[in-house]
């Protein structure tokens, strides 16, 4: 059997936990359809991300 290749992240793992992927659903002005805005945000600024429009 073939072995799976596993990707690993090098570096300090505590540094990686300081960011969170936030996804916000916004209605488009042009088409009226919903669009998803995704962004990697520091954990301290999550409330600010969802507060802005």
PDB file of N, CA and C in Angstrom:
ATOM      1  N   UNK A   1       0.840  -1.190   0.000  1.00  0.00           N
ATOM      2  CA  UNK A   1       0.000   0.000   0.000  1.00  0.00           C
ATOM      3  C   UNK A   1       0.875   1.239   0.000  1.00  0.00           C
ATOM      4  N   UNK A   2       0.375   2.267  -0.624  1.00  0.00           N
ATOM      5  CA  UNK A   2       1.113   3.531  -0.674  1.00  0.00           C
ATOM      6  C   UNK A   2       0.857   4.325   0.604  1.00  0.00           C
ATOM      7  N   UNK A   3       1.878   5.050   1.015  1.00  0.00           N
ATOM      8  CA  UNK A   3       1.740   5.885   2.205  1.00  0.00           C
ATOM      9  C   UNK A   3       1.225   7.260   1.795  1.00  0.00           C
ATOM     10  N   UNK A   4       0.428   7.856   2.662  1.00  0.00           N
ATOM     11  CA  UNK A   4      -0.070   9.206   2.413  1.00  0.00           C
ATOM     12  C   UNK A   4       0.987  10.223   2.809  1.00  0.00           C
ATOM     13  N   UNK A   5       1.099  11.262   2.016  1.00  0.00           N
ATOM     14  CA  UNK A   5       1.985  12.364   2.379  1.00  0.00           C
ATOM     15  C   UNK A   5       1.192  13.317   3.264  1.00  0.00           C
ATOM     16  N   UNK A   6       1.752  13.657   4.405  1.00  0.00           N
ATOM     17  CA  UNK A   6       1.059  14.523   5.348  1.00  0.00           C
ATOM     18  C   UNK A   6       1.795  15.853   5.422  1.00  0.00           C
ATOM     19  N   UNK A   7       1.088  16.936   5.212  1.00  0.00           N
ATOM     20  CA  UNK A   7       1.693  18.263   5.294  1.00  0.00           C
ATOM     21  C   UNK A   7       1.768  18.694   6.746  1.00  0.00           C
ATOM     22  N   UNK A   8       2.897  19.228   7.135  1.00  0.00           N
ATOM     23  CA  UNK A   8       3.059  19.728   8.495  1.00  0.00           C
ATOM     24  C   UNK A   8       3.485  21.179   8.437  1.00  0.00           C
ATOM     25  N   UNK A   9       3.086  21.922   9.416  1.00  0.00           N
ATOM     26  CA  UNK A   9       3.481  23.314   9.537  1.00  0.00           C
ATOM     27  C   UNK A   9       4.689  23.397  10.446  1.00  0.00           C
ATOM     28  N   UNK A  10       5.699  24.088   9.993  1.00  0.00           N
ATOM     29  CA  UNK A  10       6.860  24.266  10.853  1.00  0.00           C
ATOM     30  C   UNK A  10       6.725  25.589  11.584  1.00  0.00           C
ATOM     31  N   UNK A  11       7.280  25.656  12.743  1.00  0.00           N
ATOM     32  CA  UNK A  11       7.224  26.898  13.505  1.00  0.00           C
ATOM     33  C   UNK A  11       6.533  26.710  14.834  1.00  0.00           C
ATOM     34  N   UNK A  12       6.332  27.822  15.502  1.00  0.00           N
ATOM     35  CA  UNK A  12       5.742  27.822  16.830  1.00  0.00           C
ATOM     36  C   UNK A  12       4.229  27.665  16.715  1.00  0.00           C
ATOM     37  N   UNK A  13       3.664  26.650  17.348  1.00  0.00           N
ATOM     38  CA  UNK A  13       2.226  26.410  17.246  1.00  0.00           C
ATOM     39  C   UNK A  13       1.410  27.432  18.023  1.00  0.00           C
ATOM     40  N   UNK A  14       1.973  28.024  19.052  1.00  0.00           N
ATOM     41  CA  UNK A  14       1.228  29.042  19.787  1.00  0.00           C
ATOM     42  C   UNK A  14       1.030  30.283  18.925  1.00  0.00           C
ATOM     43  N   UNK A  15       1.926  30.518  17.982  1.00  0.00           N
ATOM     44  CA  UNK A  15       1.798  31.652  17.059  1.00  0.00           C
ATOM     45  C   UNK A  15       0.614  31.431  16.104  1.00  0.00           C
ATOM     46  N   UNK A  16       0.358  30.185  15.697  1.00  0.00           N
ATOM     47  CA  UNK A  16      -0.712  29.888  14.755  1.00  0.00           C
ATOM     48  C   UNK A  16      -2.092  30.050  15.371  1.00  0.00           C
ATOM     49  N   UNK A  17      -2.209  29.889  16.660  1.00  0.00           N
ATOM     50  CA  UNK A  17      -3.515  29.966  17.309  1.00  0.00           C
ATOM     51  C   UNK A  17      -3.975  31.398  17.545  1.00  0.00           C
ATOM     52  N   UNK A  18      -3.184  32.366  17.181  1.00  0.00           N
ATOM     53  CA  UNK A  18      -3.560  33.758  17.380  1.00  0.00           C
ATOM     54  C   UNK A  18      -4.473  34.266  16.270  1.00  0.00           C
ATOM     55  N   UNK A  19      -4.696  33.470  15.234  1.00  0.00           N
ATOM     56  CA  UNK A  19      -5.539  33.884  14.119  1.00  0.00           C
ATOM     57  C   UNK A  19      -6.724  32.947  13.973  1.00  0.00           C
ATOM     58  N   UNK A  20      -7.852  33.518  13.512  1.00  0.00           N
ATOM     59  CA  UNK A  20      -9.078  32.766  13.313  1.00  0.00           C
ATOM     60  C   UNK A  20      -9.615  33.117  11.932  1.00  0.00           C
ATOM     61  N   UNK A  21     -10.151  32.125  11.232  1.00  0.00           N
ATOM     62  CA  UNK A  21     -10.762  32.384   9.932  1.00  0.00           C
ATOM     63  C   UNK A  21     -12.210  32.792  10.163  1.00  0.00           C
ATOM     64  N   UNK A  22     -12.553  34.027   9.766  1.00  0.00           N
ATOM     65  CA  UNK A  22     -13.913  34.547   9.928  1.00  0.00           C
ATOM     66  C   UNK A  22     -14.591  34.615   8.566  1.00  0.00           C
ATOM     67  N   UNK A  23     -15.836  34.209   8.523  1.00  0.00           N
ATOM     68  CA  UNK A  23     -16.619  34.226   7.284  1.00  0.00           C
ATOM     69  C   UNK A  23     -17.880  35.037   7.538  1.00  0.00           C
ATOM     70  N   UNK A  24     -18.084  36.070   6.714  1.00  0.00           N
ATOM     71  CA  UNK A  24     -19.259  36.929   6.857  1.00  0.00           C
ATOM     72  C   UNK A  24     -20.060  36.864   5.556  1.00  0.00           C
ATOM     73  N   UNK A  25     -21.376  36.747   5.654  1.00  0.00           N
ATOM     74  CA  UNK A  25     -22.252  36.736   4.489  1.00  0.00           C
ATOM     75  C   UNK A  25     -22.787  38.146   4.268  1.00  0.00           C
ATOM     76  N   UNK A  26     -22.550  38.679   3.061  1.00  0.00           N
ATOM     77  CA  UNK A  26     -22.936  40.051   2.738  1.00  0.00           C
ATOM     78  C   UNK A  26     -23.750  40.030   1.455  1.00  0.00           C
ATOM     79  N   UNK A  27     -24.793  40.835   1.404  1.00  0.00           N
ATOM     80  CA  UNK A  27     -25.609  40.921   0.200  1.00  0.00           C
ATOM     81  C   UNK A  27     -24.973  41.900  -0.781  1.00  0.00           C
ATOM     82  N   UNK A  28     -24.794  41.479  -2.021  1.00  0.00           N
ATOM     83  CA  UNK A  28     -24.154  42.293  -3.048  1.00  0.00           C
ATOM     84  C   UNK A  28     -25.101  43.380  -3.534  1.00  0.00           C
ATOM     85  N   UNK A  29     -24.562  44.594  -3.709  1.00  0.00           N
ATOM     86  CA  UNK A  29     -25.380  45.705  -4.197  1.00  0.00           C
ATOM     87  C   UNK A  29     -25.695  45.561  -5.690  1.00  0.00           C
ATOM     88  N   UNK A  30     -24.784  44.995  -6.457  1.00  0.00           N
ATOM     89  CA  UNK A  30     -24.952  44.879  -7.912  1.00  0.00           C
ATOM     90  C   UNK A  30     -25.978  43.829  -8.293  1.00  0.00           C
ATOM     91  N   UNK A  31     -25.841  42.615  -7.754  1.00  0.00           N
ATOM     92  CA  UNK A  31     -26.685  41.510  -8.192  1.00  0.00           C
ATOM     93  C   UNK A  31     -27.776  41.152  -7.198  1.00  0.00           C
ATOM     94  N   UNK A  32     -27.603  41.504  -5.950  1.00  0.00           N
ATOM     95  CA  UNK A  32     -28.569  41.137  -4.932  1.00  0.00           C
ATOM     96  C   UNK A  32     -28.327  39.753  -4.358  1.00  0.00           C
ATOM     97  N   UNK A  33     -27.312  39.063  -4.885  1.00  0.00           N
ATOM     98  CA  UNK A  33     -26.963  37.733  -4.376  1.00  0.00           C
ATOM     99  C   UNK A  33     -26.073  37.879  -3.147  1.00  0.00           C
ATOM    100  N   UNK A  34     -26.002  36.826  -2.369  1.00  0.00           N
ATOM    101  CA  UNK A  34     -25.156  36.851  -1.185  1.00  0.00           C
ATOM    102  C   UNK A  34     -23.732  36.435  -1.539  1.00  0.00           C
ATOM    103  N   UNK A  35     -22.769  37.122  -0.937  1.00  0.00           N
ATOM    104  CA  UNK A  35     -21.353  36.871  -1.154  1.00  0.00           C
ATOM    105  C   UNK A  35     -20.731  36.578   0.204  1.00  0.00           C
ATOM    106  N   UNK A  36     -19.780  35.663   0.231  1.00  0.00           N
ATOM    107  CA  UNK A  36     -19.098  35.308   1.469  1.00  0.00           C
ATOM    108  C   UNK A  36     -17.729  35.972   1.501  1.00  0.00           C
ATOM    109  N   UNK A  37     -17.477  36.769   2.522  1.00  0.00           N
ATOM    110  CA  UNK A  37     -16.179  37.395   2.730  1.00  0.00           C
ATOM    111  C   UNK A  37     -15.433  36.593   3.782  1.00  0.00           C
ATOM    112  N   UNK A  38     -14.279  36.049   3.386  1.00  0.00           N
ATOM    113  CA  UNK A  38     -13.451  35.260   4.295  1.00  0.00           C
ATOM    114  C   UNK A  38     -12.168  36.014   4.569  1.00  0.00           C
ATOM    115  N   UNK A  39     -11.733  35.972   5.825  1.00  0.00           N
ATOM    116  CA  UNK A  39     -10.521  36.690   6.200  1.00  0.00           C
ATOM    117  C   UNK A  39      -9.898  36.033   7.432  1.00  0.00           C
ATOM    118  N   UNK A  40      -8.575  35.986   7.455  1.00  0.00           N
ATOM    119  CA  UNK A  40      -7.846  35.518   8.628  1.00  0.00           C
ATOM    120  C   UNK A  40      -7.648  36.723   9.538  1.00  0.00           C
ATOM    121  N   UNK A  41      -8.204  36.662  10.747  1.00  0.00           N
ATOM    122  CA  UNK A  41      -8.240  37.798  11.659  1.00  0.00           C
ATOM    123  C   UNK A  41      -7.582  37.393  12.979  1.00  0.00           C
ATOM    124  N   UNK A  42      -6.795  38.286  13.581  1.00  0.00           N
ATOM    125  CA  UNK A  42      -6.284  37.992  14.928  1.00  0.00           C
ATOM    126  C   UNK A  42      -7.448  37.829  15.906  1.00  0.00           C
ATOM    127  N   UNK A  43      -7.284  36.955  16.887  1.00  0.00           N
ATOM    128  CA  UNK A  43      -8.387  36.648  17.802  1.00  0.00           C
ATOM    129  C   UNK A  43      -8.860  37.876  18.570  1.00  0.00           C
ATOM    130  N   UNK A  44      -7.997  38.842  18.778  1.00  0.00           N
ATOM    131  CA  UNK A  44      -8.389  40.045  19.516  1.00  0.00           C
ATOM    132  C   UNK A  44      -9.296  40.951  18.685  1.00  0.00           C
ATOM    133  N   UNK A  45      -9.273  40.816  17.345  1.00  0.00           N
ATOM    134  CA  UNK A  45     -10.030  41.724  16.478  1.00  0.00           C
ATOM    135  C   UNK A  45     -11.247  41.065  15.819  1.00  0.00           C
ATOM    136  N   UNK A  46     -11.701  39.944  16.354  1.00  0.00           N
ATOM    137  CA  UNK A  46     -12.836  39.240  15.755  1.00  0.00           C
ATOM    138  C   UNK A  46     -14.110  40.063  15.850  1.00  0.00           C
ATOM    139  N   UNK A  47     -14.366  40.675  16.995  1.00  0.00           N
ATOM    140  CA  UNK A  47     -15.590  41.482  17.156  1.00  0.00           C
ATOM    141  C   UNK A  47     -15.578  42.679  16.216  1.00  0.00           C
ATOM    142  N   UNK A  48     -14.408  43.271  15.981  1.00  0.00           N
ATOM    143  CA  UNK A  48     -14.311  44.401  15.047  1.00  0.00           C
ATOM    144  C   UNK A  48     -14.597  43.962  13.618  1.00  0.00           C
ATOM    145  N   UNK A  49     -14.177  42.758  13.255  1.00  0.00           N
ATOM    146  CA  UNK A  49     -14.432  42.235  11.907  1.00  0.00           C
ATOM    147  C   UNK A  49     -15.920  42.107  11.644  1.00  0.00           C
ATOM    148  N   UNK A  50     -16.663  41.580  12.608  1.00  0.00           N
ATOM    149  CA  UNK A  50     -18.099  41.392  12.406  1.00  0.00           C
ATOM    150  C   UNK A  50     -18.879  42.691  12.616  1.00  0.00           C
ATOM    151  N   UNK A  51     -18.312  43.671  13.263  1.00  0.00           N
ATOM    152  CA  UNK A  51     -19.004  44.941  13.485  1.00  0.00           C
ATOM    153  C   UNK A  51     -19.002  45.814  12.233  1.00  0.00           C
ATOM    154  N   UNK A  52     -17.926  45.745  11.437  1.00  0.00           N
ATOM    155  CA  UNK A  52     -17.854  46.597  10.237  1.00  0.00           C
ATOM    156  C   UNK A  52     -18.704  46.011   9.123  1.00  0.00           C
ATOM    157  N   UNK A  53     -19.121  46.874   8.220  1.00  0.00           N
ATOM    158  CA  UNK A  53     -19.966  46.436   7.097  1.00  0.00           C
ATOM    159  C   UNK A  53     -19.298  46.734   5.794  1.00  0.00           C
TER     160      UNK A  53
END
